[in-house]
């Protein structure tokens, strides 16, 4: 039961409006740069575009930013880091 409560609390904090907006901005900026670097030729020559790879270039930075924002919020509140055993 404690594990479910810990995960619920983490998701609730990660999807709070300030962290969500900051994570979205980071994901858009980093994802755009990654897509330009990794798929620039595909965009210019309109060749076969791998949409799953493009989508992952936005999802991964969002998850990393939301995770680090959540951890930082817990540290500034003085709460111990959550470790699920």
C-alpha atoms as a PDB file:
ATOM      1  CA  UNK A   1       0.000   0.000   0.000  1.00  0.00           C
ATOM      2  CA  UNK A   2       2.873   2.351   0.811  1.00  0.00           C
ATOM      3  CA  UNK A   3       4.373   1.826  -2.635  1.00  0.00           C
ATOM      4  CA  UNK A   4       1.128   2.917  -4.297  1.00  0.00           C
ATOM      5  CA  UNK A   5       0.961   6.004  -2.085  1.00  0.00           C
ATOM      6  CA  UNK A   6       4.564   6.948  -2.896  1.00  0.00           C
ATOM      7  CA  UNK A   7       3.994   6.607  -6.659  1.00  0.00           C
ATOM      8  CA  UNK A   8       0.715   8.517  -6.459  1.00  0.00           C
ATOM      9  CA  UNK A   9       2.434  11.343  -4.596  1.00  0.00           C
ATOM     10  CA  UNK A  10       5.280  11.448  -7.119  1.00  0.00           C
ATOM     11  CA  UNK A  11       2.926  11.589 -10.107  1.00  0.00           C
ATOM     12  CA  UNK A  12       0.775  14.202  -8.421  1.00  0.00           C
ATOM     13  CA  UNK A  13       3.833  16.391  -7.828  1.00  0.00           C
ATOM     14  CA  UNK A  14       5.323  15.718 -11.290  1.00  0.00           C
ATOM     15  CA  UNK A  15       2.106  16.769 -13.021  1.00  0.00           C
ATOM     16  CA  UNK A  16       1.528  19.841 -10.896  1.00  0.00           C
ATOM     17  CA  UNK A  17       1.171  22.869 -13.133  1.00  0.00           C
ATOM     18  CA  UNK A  18       4.577  24.563 -12.535  1.00  0.00           C
ATOM     19  CA  UNK A  19       6.597  21.384 -13.039  1.00  0.00           C
ATOM     20  CA  UNK A  20       4.441  20.278 -15.964  1.00  0.00           C
ATOM     21  CA  UNK A  21       4.812  23.616 -17.800  1.00  0.00           C
ATOM     22  CA  UNK A  22       8.577  23.742 -17.209  1.00  0.00           C
ATOM     23  CA  UNK A  23       8.949  20.131 -18.359  1.00  0.00           C
ATOM     24  CA  UNK A  24       6.892  20.834 -21.462  1.00  0.00           C
ATOM     25  CA  UNK A  25       9.044  23.851 -22.371  1.00  0.00           C
ATOM     26  CA  UNK A  26      12.211  21.822 -21.863  1.00  0.00           C
ATOM     27  CA  UNK A  27      10.865  18.913 -23.907  1.00  0.00           C
ATOM     28  CA  UNK A  28       9.884  21.168 -26.799  1.00  0.00           C
ATOM     29  CA  UNK A  29      13.253  22.907 -26.897  1.00  0.00           C
ATOM     30  CA  UNK A  30      15.449  19.826 -26.414  1.00  0.00           C
ATOM     31  CA  UNK A  31      13.223  17.629 -28.592  1.00  0.00           C
ATOM     32  CA  UNK A  32      13.345  20.125 -31.432  1.00  0.00           C
ATOM     33  CA  UNK A  33      17.128  20.320 -31.243  1.00  0.00           C
ATOM     34  CA  UNK A  34      17.488  16.536 -31.099  1.00  0.00           C
ATOM     35  CA  UNK A  35      15.164  16.091 -34.060  1.00  0.00           C
ATOM     36  CA  UNK A  36      17.038  18.666 -36.118  1.00  0.00           C
ATOM     37  CA  UNK A  37      20.346  16.976 -35.321  1.00  0.00           C
ATOM     38  CA  UNK A  38      19.162  13.389 -35.776  1.00  0.00           C
ATOM     39  CA  UNK A  39      16.611  13.784 -38.578  1.00  0.00           C
ATOM     40  CA  UNK A  40      17.622  16.983 -40.366  1.00  0.00           C
ATOM     41  CA  UNK A  41      18.205  15.280 -43.722  1.00  0.00           C
ATOM     42  CA  UNK A  42      14.888  13.463 -43.534  1.00  0.00           C
ATOM     43  CA  UNK A  43      13.077  16.751 -43.009  1.00  0.00           C
ATOM     44  CA  UNK A  44      14.934  18.563 -45.794  1.00  0.00           C
ATOM     45  CA  UNK A  45      14.591  15.820 -48.389  1.00  0.00           C
ATOM     46  CA  UNK A  46      11.157  14.637 -47.195  1.00  0.00           C
ATOM     47  CA  UNK A  47      12.315  11.050 -47.126  1.00  0.00           C
ATOM     48  CA  UNK A  48      10.952   8.251 -44.962  1.00  0.00           C
ATOM     49  CA  UNK A  49      10.348   9.831 -41.540  1.00  0.00           C
ATOM     50  CA  UNK A  50      10.450   7.618 -38.449  1.00  0.00           C
ATOM     51  CA  UNK A  51       7.662   9.107 -36.319  1.00  0.00           C
ATOM     52  CA  UNK A  52       8.305   6.878 -33.320  1.00  0.00           C
ATOM     53  CA  UNK A  53      11.878   8.147 -33.064  1.00  0.00           C
ATOM     54  CA  UNK A  54      10.723  11.741 -33.429  1.00  0.00           C
ATOM     55  CA  UNK A  55       8.126  11.274 -30.698  1.00  0.00           C
ATOM     56  CA  UNK A  56      10.691   9.706 -28.358  1.00  0.00           C
ATOM     57  CA  UNK A  57      12.930  12.742 -28.837  1.00  0.00           C
ATOM     58  CA  UNK A  58      10.188  14.776 -27.121  1.00  0.00           C
ATOM     59  CA  UNK A  59       8.984  12.238 -24.536  1.00  0.00           C
ATOM     60  CA  UNK A  60      12.374  11.414 -23.008  1.00  0.00           C
ATOM     61  CA  UNK A  61      13.370  15.046 -22.243  1.00  0.00           C
ATOM     62  CA  UNK A  62       9.891  15.611 -20.761  1.00  0.00           C
ATOM     63  CA  UNK A  63      10.260  12.625 -18.436  1.00  0.00           C
ATOM     64  CA  UNK A  64      13.778  13.607 -17.363  1.00  0.00           C
ATOM     65  CA  UNK A  65      12.729  17.192 -16.708  1.00  0.00           C
ATOM     66  CA  UNK A  66       9.605  16.167 -14.776  1.00  0.00           C
ATOM     67  CA  UNK A  67      11.636  13.728 -12.696  1.00  0.00           C
ATOM     68  CA  UNK A  68      14.347  16.246 -11.849  1.00  0.00           C
ATOM     69  CA  UNK A  69      11.766  18.943 -11.120  1.00  0.00           C
ATOM     70  CA  UNK A  70       9.927  16.610  -8.770  1.00  0.00           C
ATOM     71  CA  UNK A  71      13.134  15.629  -6.988  1.00  0.00           C
ATOM     72  CA  UNK A  72      14.139  19.286  -6.636  1.00  0.00           C
ATOM     73  CA  UNK A  73      10.704  20.176  -5.250  1.00  0.00           C
ATOM     74  CA  UNK A  74      11.012  17.455  -2.625  1.00  0.00           C
ATOM     75  CA  UNK A  75      14.507  18.569  -1.663  1.00  0.00           C
ATOM     76  CA  UNK A  76      13.502  22.211  -1.242  1.00  0.00           C
ATOM     77  CA  UNK A  77      10.545  21.179   0.931  1.00  0.00           C
ATOM     78  CA  UNK A  78      12.903  19.256   3.206  1.00  0.00           C
ATOM     79  CA  UNK A  79      11.315  15.917   2.425  1.00  0.00           C
ATOM     80  CA  UNK A  80      13.555  12.886   2.194  1.00  0.00           C
ATOM     81  CA  UNK A  81      14.082  11.382  -1.252  1.00  0.00           C
ATOM     82  CA  UNK A  82      11.598   8.626  -1.905  1.00  0.00           C
ATOM     83  CA  UNK A  83      13.053   5.209  -2.469  1.00  0.00           C
ATOM     84  CA  UNK A  84      10.722   2.315  -3.061  1.00  0.00           C
ATOM     85  CA  UNK A  85      12.061  -0.946  -1.704  1.00  0.00           C
END
